[in-house]
Amino acid sequence: MDPRSLDHAATRTRRDELGRLEVHVRRRLGGRIRDFHLTLTNDRLVLHGRAPSFHVKQLAQHVVMQATSLPIAENQIEVLS
């Protein structure tokens, strides 16, 4: 098997995993966060989106922490004032 095929399959699997995690966070927060998405950099997560308060920003981070063993590099969720 071509090693590039394995890399592509691993990338697709990781992207699917991130997608499921994003859906999980959105459901748990009941629409309180907008444009939520995750990126993966060096096997570390970065949270993105917009939240109405610091509380919701922190809730999103805690939901992610509970749902995956991947470490969080940054929480770049913007708090709207």
N, C-alpha and C. Protein backbone atom coordinates (compact mmCIF):
# COMPACT_ATOMS: atom_id res chain seq x y z
N MET A 1 0.84 -1.18 0.00
CA MET A 1 0.00 0.00 0.00
C MET A 1 0.89 1.24 0.00
N ASP A 2 0.46 2.22 -0.74
CA ASP A 2 1.18 3.48 -0.86
C ASP A 2 1.10 4.24 0.47
N PRO A 3 2.24 4.64 1.05
CA PRO A 3 2.22 5.39 2.33
C PRO A 3 1.39 6.66 2.26
N ARG A 4 1.31 7.28 1.08
CA ARG A 4 0.49 8.49 0.95
C ARG A 4 -0.98 8.18 1.16
N SER A 5 -1.41 6.99 0.77
CA SER A 5 -2.80 6.57 0.99
C SER A 5 -3.10 6.48 2.47
N LEU A 6 -2.14 5.97 3.23
CA LEU A 6 -2.32 5.88 4.69
C LEU A 6 -2.40 7.27 5.30
N ASP A 7 -1.55 8.19 4.85
CA ASP A 7 -1.60 9.56 5.36
C ASP A 7 -2.93 10.21 5.04
N HIS A 8 -3.42 10.00 3.81
CA HIS A 8 -4.70 10.57 3.40
C HIS A 8 -5.84 10.00 4.25
N ALA A 9 -5.81 8.69 4.47
CA ALA A 9 -6.85 8.05 5.28
C ALA A 9 -6.81 8.55 6.72
N ALA A 10 -5.62 8.71 7.26
CA ALA A 10 -5.49 9.22 8.64
C ALA A 10 -5.99 10.65 8.73
N THR A 11 -5.68 11.46 7.72
CA THR A 11 -6.15 12.85 7.70
C THR A 11 -7.66 12.89 7.62
N ARG A 12 -8.25 12.05 6.78
CA ARG A 12 -9.71 12.01 6.64
C ARG A 12 -10.35 11.56 7.95
N THR A 13 -9.77 10.57 8.60
CA THR A 13 -10.30 10.08 9.88
C THR A 13 -10.24 11.18 10.92
N ARG A 14 -9.14 11.90 10.98
CA ARG A 14 -8.99 12.97 11.97
C ARG A 14 -9.99 14.10 11.68
N ARG A 15 -10.18 14.42 10.40
CA ARG A 15 -11.14 15.46 10.02
C ARG A 15 -12.56 15.04 10.42
N ASP A 16 -12.89 13.78 10.21
CA ASP A 16 -14.22 13.27 10.61
C ASP A 16 -14.38 13.35 12.13
N GLU A 17 -13.34 13.00 12.85
CA GLU A 17 -13.37 13.06 14.32
C GLU A 17 -13.60 14.49 14.80
N LEU A 18 -12.90 15.45 14.18
CA LEU A 18 -13.09 16.86 14.54
C LEU A 18 -14.51 17.31 14.23
N GLY A 19 -15.05 16.87 13.11
CA GLY A 19 -16.42 17.23 12.75
C GLY A 19 -17.42 16.73 13.77
N ARG A 20 -17.25 15.49 14.21
CA ARG A 20 -18.16 14.93 15.23
C ARG A 20 -18.03 15.69 16.54
N LEU A 21 -16.82 16.08 16.89
CA LEU A 21 -16.59 16.84 18.12
C LEU A 21 -17.23 18.23 18.03
N GLU A 22 -17.13 18.86 16.88
CA GLU A 22 -17.77 20.17 16.68
C GLU A 22 -19.29 20.07 16.86
N VAL A 23 -19.89 19.03 16.28
CA VAL A 23 -21.34 18.83 16.41
C VAL A 23 -21.70 18.60 17.87
N HIS A 24 -20.90 17.81 18.57
CA HIS A 24 -21.15 17.52 19.98
C HIS A 24 -21.14 18.82 20.81
N VAL A 25 -20.16 19.68 20.57
CA VAL A 25 -20.07 20.95 21.32
C VAL A 25 -21.27 21.83 21.01
N ARG A 26 -21.63 21.94 19.74
CA ARG A 26 -22.79 22.77 19.37
C ARG A 26 -24.05 22.28 20.05
N ARG A 27 -24.24 20.97 20.08
CA ARG A 27 -25.44 20.41 20.73
C ARG A 27 -25.44 20.67 22.22
N ARG A 28 -24.31 20.46 22.86
CA ARG A 28 -24.22 20.65 24.31
C ARG A 28 -24.45 22.10 24.71
N LEU A 29 -24.05 23.03 23.86
CA LEU A 29 -24.20 24.44 24.19
C LEU A 29 -25.50 25.03 23.68
N GLY A 30 -26.31 24.23 23.03
CA GLY A 30 -27.65 24.66 22.64
C GLY A 30 -27.70 25.93 21.82
N GLY A 31 -26.79 26.09 20.89
CA GLY A 31 -26.82 27.26 20.02
C GLY A 31 -26.25 28.53 20.63
N ARG A 32 -25.63 28.43 21.80
CA ARG A 32 -25.09 29.64 22.45
C ARG A 32 -23.77 30.09 21.86
N ILE A 33 -23.19 29.29 20.96
CA ILE A 33 -21.92 29.67 20.34
C ILE A 33 -22.12 29.68 18.83
N ARG A 34 -21.55 30.68 18.17
CA ARG A 34 -21.72 30.80 16.72
C ARG A 34 -20.40 30.51 16.01
N ASP A 35 -20.53 29.98 14.81
CA ASP A 35 -19.38 29.72 13.94
C ASP A 35 -18.31 28.86 14.63
N PHE A 36 -18.74 27.95 15.48
CA PHE A 36 -17.78 27.12 16.21
C PHE A 36 -17.12 26.12 15.27
N HIS A 37 -15.80 26.07 15.34
CA HIS A 37 -15.06 25.03 14.64
C HIS A 37 -13.71 24.82 15.33
N LEU A 38 -13.13 23.69 15.01
CA LEU A 38 -11.84 23.30 15.58
C LEU A 38 -10.81 23.17 14.48
N THR A 39 -9.58 23.51 14.80
CA THR A 39 -8.47 23.21 13.92
C THR A 39 -7.46 22.40 14.72
N LEU A 40 -6.65 21.67 14.01
CA LEU A 40 -5.65 20.82 14.64
C LEU A 40 -4.28 21.26 14.16
N THR A 41 -3.42 21.62 15.09
CA THR A 41 -2.06 22.04 14.78
C THR A 41 -1.12 21.24 15.66
N ASN A 42 -0.26 20.47 15.01
CA ASN A 42 0.71 19.64 15.75
C ASN A 42 0.03 18.78 16.80
N ASP A 43 -1.09 18.15 16.41
CA ASP A 43 -1.87 17.27 17.29
C ASP A 43 -2.40 17.98 18.53
N ARG A 44 -2.64 19.28 18.41
CA ARG A 44 -3.24 20.06 19.49
C ARG A 44 -4.39 20.85 18.90
N LEU A 45 -5.48 20.94 19.66
CA LEU A 45 -6.69 21.61 19.18
C LEU A 45 -6.65 23.11 19.41
N VAL A 46 -7.26 23.82 18.47
CA VAL A 46 -7.49 25.26 18.62
C VAL A 46 -8.98 25.46 18.42
N LEU A 47 -9.63 26.12 19.39
CA LEU A 47 -11.07 26.38 19.34
C LEU A 47 -11.31 27.74 18.71
N HIS A 48 -12.30 27.81 17.81
CA HIS A 48 -12.66 29.05 17.14
C HIS A 48 -14.16 29.24 17.21
N GLY A 49 -14.61 30.47 17.17
CA GLY A 49 -16.04 30.77 17.15
C GLY A 49 -16.31 32.08 17.85
N ARG A 50 -17.60 32.32 18.09
CA ARG A 50 -18.01 33.55 18.77
C ARG A 50 -19.02 33.19 19.85
N ALA A 51 -18.80 33.71 21.04
CA ALA A 51 -19.66 33.41 22.19
C ALA A 51 -20.18 34.71 22.80
N PRO A 52 -21.37 34.66 23.40
CA PRO A 52 -21.94 35.86 24.00
C PRO A 52 -21.31 36.24 25.34
N SER A 53 -20.53 35.31 25.94
CA SER A 53 -19.93 35.60 27.25
C SER A 53 -18.70 34.73 27.47
N PHE A 54 -17.89 35.14 28.45
CA PHE A 54 -16.72 34.33 28.81
C PHE A 54 -17.16 32.98 29.36
N HIS A 55 -18.31 32.95 30.02
CA HIS A 55 -18.83 31.71 30.56
C HIS A 55 -19.06 30.68 29.45
N VAL A 56 -19.67 31.09 28.36
CA VAL A 56 -19.94 30.18 27.25
C VAL A 56 -18.62 29.77 26.59
N LYS A 57 -17.67 30.68 26.50
CA LYS A 57 -16.36 30.35 25.96
C LYS A 57 -15.71 29.23 26.78
N GLN A 58 -15.77 29.36 28.09
CA GLN A 58 -15.21 28.35 28.98
C GLN A 58 -15.99 27.03 28.92
N LEU A 59 -17.31 27.14 28.81
CA LEU A 59 -18.12 25.92 28.68
C LEU A 59 -17.70 25.12 27.45
N ALA A 60 -17.50 25.83 26.34
CA ALA A 60 -17.07 25.15 25.12
C ALA A 60 -15.75 24.42 25.34
N GLN A 61 -14.83 25.06 26.00
CA GLN A 61 -13.53 24.44 26.28
C GLN A 61 -13.69 23.21 27.15
N HIS A 62 -14.53 23.29 28.16
CA HIS A 62 -14.73 22.14 29.05
C HIS A 62 -15.42 20.98 28.34
N VAL A 63 -16.37 21.29 27.47
CA VAL A 63 -17.03 20.23 26.70
C VAL A 63 -16.00 19.51 25.83
N VAL A 64 -15.12 20.26 25.19
CA VAL A 64 -14.07 19.65 24.36
C VAL A 64 -13.14 18.81 25.22
N MET A 65 -12.74 19.33 26.36
CA MET A 65 -11.84 18.60 27.25
C MET A 65 -12.44 17.28 27.72
N GLN A 66 -13.74 17.27 27.95
CA GLN A 66 -14.41 16.05 28.40
C GLN A 66 -14.59 15.04 27.28
N ALA A 67 -14.65 15.52 26.03
CA ALA A 67 -15.00 14.65 24.91
C ALA A 67 -13.80 14.06 24.18
N THR A 68 -12.60 14.58 24.43
CA THR A 68 -11.43 14.08 23.71
C THR A 68 -10.20 14.11 24.60
N SER A 69 -9.24 13.30 24.24
CA SER A 69 -7.98 13.30 24.98
C SER A 69 -6.95 14.21 24.31
N LEU A 70 -7.30 14.79 23.16
CA LEU A 70 -6.37 15.69 22.50
C LEU A 70 -6.19 16.96 23.34
N PRO A 71 -4.97 17.42 23.47
CA PRO A 71 -4.74 18.65 24.25
C PRO A 71 -5.23 19.88 23.49
N ILE A 72 -5.62 20.90 24.23
CA ILE A 72 -6.05 22.16 23.65
C ILE A 72 -4.87 23.12 23.67
N ALA A 73 -4.50 23.61 22.50
CA ALA A 73 -3.40 24.57 22.40
C ALA A 73 -3.87 25.97 22.72
N GLU A 74 -5.06 26.33 22.18
CA GLU A 74 -5.59 27.68 22.37
C GLU A 74 -7.11 27.67 22.30
N ASN A 75 -7.69 28.60 23.02
CA ASN A 75 -9.11 28.86 22.92
C ASN A 75 -9.25 30.26 22.30
N GLN A 76 -9.45 30.29 20.99
CA GLN A 76 -9.55 31.57 20.28
C GLN A 76 -10.99 31.99 20.06
N ILE A 77 -11.90 31.46 20.85
CA ILE A 77 -13.29 31.86 20.74
C ILE A 77 -13.40 33.32 21.16
N GLU A 78 -13.99 34.12 20.29
CA GLU A 78 -14.16 35.55 20.54
C GLU A 78 -15.40 35.77 21.39
N VAL A 79 -15.27 36.59 22.42
CA VAL A 79 -16.40 36.95 23.26
C VAL A 79 -17.00 38.23 22.72
N LEU A 80 -18.26 38.16 22.36
CA LEU A 80 -18.96 39.33 21.83
C LEU A 80 -19.49 40.16 22.99
N SER A 81 -19.31 41.44 22.91
CA SER A 81 -19.80 42.28 24.01
C SER A 81 -20.90 43.19 23.55
